[in-house]
Amino acid sequence: MVKKTTVVLVGGCFDVLHPGHVIFLGKAKRLGDKLVVLLESDEKVSLLKGKNRPIHTQKDRARILSALKAVDQVISLPFMETDAQYEQLIAKLRPDIIAVTDGYANVKHHRRVAETVGAKLKYVTGVVGNYSSTGLLKEILV
């Protein structure tokens, strides 16, 4: 009998990779067999983080994430304006688990998507230490 592959889905900007990202991705990977990362577009990162972001292009961020042992696949997203666009993509991917950081602001959306596609929503970490790409950049630029 062939064992079904358990697919774990995460998403984010991952602009300036830091230990918090690596810990999150490692814990997410342990939930299943395959870890898929949805990587936000440069336009979306700029909208979310500010006009001087991203620091690294989406292509470079994908290259960095792909080099991590925990990451099996990176999907570079086009600019998505609505939650419905994310939902359509996730419905096509049909992950078994959607992994998020505890305390993430858009948890209602993630819960709804998980229920819609029949996935489990799992909180894999809280915020790890004082790590934040935005915080790290502020320290460097001060």
C-alpha atoms as a PDB file:
ATOM      1  CA  MET A   1       0.000   0.000   0.000  1.00  0.00           C
ATOM      2  CA  VAL A   2       1.324   3.443  -0.967  1.00  0.00           C
ATOM      3  CA  LYS A   3       1.469   5.998   1.837  1.00  0.00           C
ATOM      4  CA  LYS A   4      -0.135   9.341   1.003  1.00  0.00           C
ATOM      5  CA  THR A   5       2.268  12.278   1.025  1.00  0.00           C
ATOM      6  CA  THR A   6       1.296  14.879   3.605  1.00  0.00           C
ATOM      7  CA  VAL A   7       1.689  18.360   2.122  1.00  0.00           C
ATOM      8  CA  VAL A   8       2.263  21.326   4.434  1.00  0.00           C
ATOM      9  CA  LEU A   9       1.696  24.824   3.064  1.00  0.00           C
ATOM     10  CA  VAL A  10       3.150  28.068   4.403  1.00  0.00           C
ATOM     11  CA  GLY A  11       3.315  31.530   2.929  1.00  0.00           C
ATOM     12  CA  GLY A  12       5.047  34.819   3.447  1.00  0.00           C
ATOM     13  CA  CYS A  13       7.429  37.513   2.318  1.00  0.00           C
ATOM     14  CA  PHE A  14      10.694  36.026   3.645  1.00  0.00           C
ATOM     15  CA  ASP A  15      12.496  39.187   2.581  1.00  0.00           C
ATOM     16  CA  VAL A  16      15.402  39.211   5.024  1.00  0.00           C
ATOM     17  CA  LEU A  17      15.731  35.630   6.197  1.00  0.00           C
ATOM     18  CA  HIS A  18      16.442  35.347   9.921  1.00  0.00           C
ATOM     19  CA  PRO A  19      16.508  32.561  12.565  1.00  0.00           C
ATOM     20  CA  GLY A  20      12.781  32.996  13.274  1.00  0.00           C
ATOM     21  CA  HIS A  21      12.007  32.097   9.652  1.00  0.00           C
ATOM     22  CA  VAL A  22      14.309  29.068   9.726  1.00  0.00           C
ATOM     23  CA  ILE A  23      12.786  27.783  12.981  1.00  0.00           C
ATOM     24  CA  PHE A  24       9.253  28.290  11.642  1.00  0.00           C
ATOM     25  CA  LEU A  25      10.013  26.490   8.370  1.00  0.00           C
ATOM     26  CA  GLY A  26      11.744  23.613  10.177  1.00  0.00           C
ATOM     27  CA  LYS A  27       8.798  23.096  12.525  1.00  0.00           C
ATOM     28  CA  ALA A  28       6.321  23.342   9.645  1.00  0.00           C
ATOM     29  CA  LYS A  29       8.252  20.690   7.691  1.00  0.00           C
ATOM     30  CA  ARG A  30       8.061  18.290  10.648  1.00  0.00           C
ATOM     31  CA  LEU A  31       4.268  18.302  10.318  1.00  0.00           C
ATOM     32  CA  GLY A  32       4.378  16.431   7.019  1.00  0.00           C
ATOM     33  CA  ASP A  33       6.359  14.994   4.151  1.00  0.00           C
ATOM     34  CA  LYS A  34       6.523  17.957   1.783  1.00  0.00           C
ATOM     35  CA  LEU A  35       6.798  21.665   2.644  1.00  0.00           C
ATOM     36  CA  VAL A  36       5.525  24.109   0.029  1.00  0.00           C
ATOM     37  CA  VAL A  37       6.187  27.846   0.450  1.00  0.00           C
ATOM     38  CA  LEU A  38       3.982  30.448  -1.219  1.00  0.00           C
ATOM     39  CA  LEU A  39       6.294  33.418  -1.749  1.00  0.00           C
ATOM     40  CA  GLU A  40       4.803  36.894  -2.043  1.00  0.00           C
ATOM     41  CA  SER A  41       5.561  39.050  -5.079  1.00  0.00           C
ATOM     42  CA  ASP A  42       7.838  42.075  -4.877  1.00  0.00           C
ATOM     43  CA  GLU A  43       4.795  44.320  -5.347  1.00  0.00           C
ATOM     44  CA  LYS A  44       2.960  42.706  -2.433  1.00  0.00           C
ATOM     45  CA  VAL A  45       6.015  42.938  -0.149  1.00  0.00           C
ATOM     46  CA  SER A  46       6.304  46.637  -0.978  1.00  0.00           C
ATOM     47  CA  LEU A  47       2.621  47.156  -0.211  1.00  0.00           C
ATOM     48  CA  LEU A  48       2.865  45.267   3.098  1.00  0.00           C
ATOM     49  CA  LYS A  49       6.292  46.422   4.303  1.00  0.00           C
ATOM     50  CA  GLY A  50       6.857  49.830   2.722  1.00  0.00           C
ATOM     51  CA  LYS A  51       8.320  51.514  -0.336  1.00  0.00           C
ATOM     52  CA  ASN A  52      11.935  50.476   0.377  1.00  0.00           C
ATOM     53  CA  ARG A  53      11.057  46.810   0.448  1.00  0.00           C
ATOM     54  CA  PRO A  54      11.709  44.161  -0.559  1.00  0.00           C
ATOM     55  CA  ILE A  55      15.436  44.135   0.021  1.00  0.00           C
ATOM     56  CA  HIS A  56      15.793  40.971  -2.090  1.00  0.00           C
ATOM     57  CA  THR A  57      13.848  40.323  -5.283  1.00  0.00           C
ATOM     58  CA  GLN A  58      11.322  37.526  -5.369  1.00  0.00           C
ATOM     59  CA  LYS A  59      13.699  35.525  -7.565  1.00  0.00           C
ATOM     60  CA  ASP A  60      16.501  35.854  -4.998  1.00  0.00           C
ATOM     61  CA  ARG A  61      14.168  35.120  -2.076  1.00  0.00           C
ATOM     62  CA  ALA A  62      13.001  31.961  -3.869  1.00  0.00           C
ATOM     63  CA  ARG A  63      16.616  30.912  -4.460  1.00  0.00           C
ATOM     64  CA  ILE A  64      17.452  31.372  -0.752  1.00  0.00           C
ATOM     65  CA  LEU A  65      14.363  29.494   0.450  1.00  0.00           C
ATOM     66  CA  SER A  66      14.960  26.661  -2.016  1.00  0.00           C
ATOM     67  CA  ALA A  67      18.427  26.137  -0.526  1.00  0.00           C
ATOM     68  CA  LEU A  68      16.970  25.363   2.908  1.00  0.00           C
ATOM     69  CA  LYS A  69      16.766  21.682   3.826  1.00  0.00           C
ATOM     70  CA  ALA A  70      13.214  22.047   5.162  1.00  0.00           C
ATOM     71  CA  VAL A  71      11.774  23.549   1.959  1.00  0.00           C
ATOM     72  CA  ASP A  72      10.696  21.177  -0.804  1.00  0.00           C
ATOM     73  CA  GLN A  73       9.030  23.625  -3.180  1.00  0.00           C
ATOM     74  CA  VAL A  74       8.714  27.387  -3.560  1.00  0.00           C
ATOM     75  CA  ILE A  75       5.851  28.863  -5.551  1.00  0.00           C
ATOM     76  CA  SER A  76       6.546  32.465  -6.535  1.00  0.00           C
ATOM     77  CA  LEU A  77       3.202  34.230  -6.469  1.00  0.00           C
ATOM     78  CA  PRO A  78       2.073  36.913  -8.873  1.00  0.00           C
ATOM     79  CA  PHE A  79       0.696  40.057  -7.227  1.00  0.00           C
ATOM     80  CA  MET A  80      -2.563  39.049  -5.554  1.00  0.00           C
ATOM     81  CA  GLU A  81      -4.999  41.761  -4.566  1.00  0.00           C
ATOM     82  CA  THR A  82      -7.731  39.732  -2.888  1.00  0.00           C
ATOM     83  CA  ASP A  83      -8.142  36.865  -0.436  1.00  0.00           C
ATOM     84  CA  ALA A  84     -10.226  35.137  -3.109  1.00  0.00           C
ATOM     85  CA  GLN A  85      -7.161  34.849  -5.364  1.00  0.00           C
ATOM     86  CA  TYR A  86      -5.219  33.090  -2.590  1.00  0.00           C
ATOM     87  CA  GLU A  87      -8.187  30.830  -1.904  1.00  0.00           C
ATOM     88  CA  GLN A  88      -8.412  29.768  -5.557  1.00  0.00           C
ATOM     89  CA  LEU A  89      -4.711  28.867  -5.640  1.00  0.00           C
ATOM     90  CA  ILE A  90      -4.827  26.976  -2.343  1.00  0.00           C
ATOM     91  CA  ALA A  91      -7.912  25.070  -3.528  1.00  0.00           C
ATOM     92  CA  LYS A  92      -5.872  23.891  -6.531  1.00  0.00           C
ATOM     93  CA  LEU A  93      -2.912  22.887  -4.332  1.00  0.00           C
ATOM     94  CA  ARG A  94      -5.100  21.053  -1.778  1.00  0.00           C
ATOM     95  CA  PRO A  95      -2.595  20.963   1.087  1.00  0.00           C
ATOM     96  CA  ASP A  96      -3.203  18.674   4.052  1.00  0.00           C
ATOM     97  CA  ILE A  97      -1.939  21.248   6.544  1.00  0.00           C
ATOM     98  CA  ILE A  98      -1.651  25.030   6.491  1.00  0.00           C
ATOM     99  CA  ALA A  99       1.025  26.081   8.986  1.00  0.00           C
ATOM    100  CA  VAL A 100       1.072  29.566  10.518  1.00  0.00           C
ATOM    101  CA  THR A 101       2.790  31.513  13.262  1.00  0.00           C
ATOM    102  CA  ASP A 102       0.668  31.920  16.389  1.00  0.00           C
ATOM    103  CA  GLY A 103      -0.422  35.536  16.656  1.00  0.00           C
ATOM    104  CA  TYR A 104      -0.567  36.087  12.893  1.00  0.00           C
ATOM    105  CA  ALA A 105      -3.041  38.854  12.096  1.00  0.00           C
ATOM    106  CA  ASN A 106      -5.034  37.163   9.304  1.00  0.00           C
ATOM    107  CA  VAL A 107      -5.918  33.949  11.145  1.00  0.00           C
ATOM    108  CA  LYS A 108      -9.648  34.106  10.293  1.00  0.00           C
ATOM    109  CA  HIS A 109      -8.792  33.999   6.595  1.00  0.00           C
ATOM    110  CA  HIS A 110      -6.409  31.057   7.109  1.00  0.00           C
ATOM    111  CA  ARG A 111      -8.998  29.166   9.149  1.00  0.00           C
ATOM    112  CA  ARG A 112     -11.670  29.707   6.481  1.00  0.00           C
ATOM    113  CA  VAL A 113      -9.333  28.580   3.682  1.00  0.00           C
ATOM    114  CA  ALA A 114      -8.245  25.499   5.636  1.00  0.00           C
ATOM    115  CA  GLU A 115     -11.878  24.509   6.215  1.00  0.00           C
ATOM    116  CA  THR A 116     -12.745  25.142   2.558  1.00  0.00           C
ATOM    117  CA  VAL A 117      -9.984  22.872   1.205  1.00  0.00           C
ATOM    118  CA  GLY A 118     -10.237  20.274   3.986  1.00  0.00           C
ATOM    119  CA  ALA A 119      -6.814  21.083   5.474  1.00  0.00           C
ATOM    120  CA  LYS A 120      -5.849  21.331   9.120  1.00  0.00           C
ATOM    121  CA  LEU A 121      -4.681  24.714  10.394  1.00  0.00           C
ATOM    122  CA  LYS A 122      -1.650  24.272  12.645  1.00  0.00           C
ATOM    123  CA  TYR A 123       0.163  26.856  14.743  1.00  0.00           C
ATOM    124  CA  VAL A 124       3.803  25.811  14.628  1.00  0.00           C
ATOM    125  CA  THR A 125       5.525  28.603  16.545  1.00  0.00           C
ATOM    126  CA  GLY A 126       4.853  31.835  18.274  1.00  0.00           C
ATOM    127  CA  VAL A 127       7.025  34.785  17.400  1.00  0.00           C
ATOM    128  CA  VAL A 128      10.590  33.529  17.861  1.00  0.00           C
ATOM    129  CA  GLY A 129      12.780  35.806  19.949  1.00  0.00           C
ATOM    130  CA  ASN A 130      13.102  39.387  18.830  1.00  0.00           C
ATOM    131  CA  TYR A 131      13.451  38.441  15.190  1.00  0.00           C
ATOM    132  CA  SER A 132      11.683  40.521  12.597  1.00  0.00           C
ATOM    133  CA  SER A 133      12.946  41.558   9.182  1.00  0.00           C
ATOM    134  CA  THR A 134      11.551  45.051   9.694  1.00  0.00           C
ATOM    135  CA  GLY A 135      13.140  45.291  13.153  1.00  0.00           C
ATOM    136  CA  LEU A 136      16.503  44.083  11.892  1.00  0.00           C
ATOM    137  CA  LEU A 137      16.481  46.636   9.084  1.00  0.00           C
ATOM    138  CA  LYS A 138      15.625  49.452  11.481  1.00  0.00           C
ATOM    139  CA  GLU A 139      18.617  48.494  13.641  1.00  0.00           C
ATOM    140  CA  ILE A 140      20.952  48.456  10.640  1.00  0.00           C
ATOM    141  CA  LEU A 141      19.716  51.787   9.295  1.00  0.00           C
ATOM    142  CA  VAL A 142      19.915  53.642  12.630  1.00  0.00           C
END
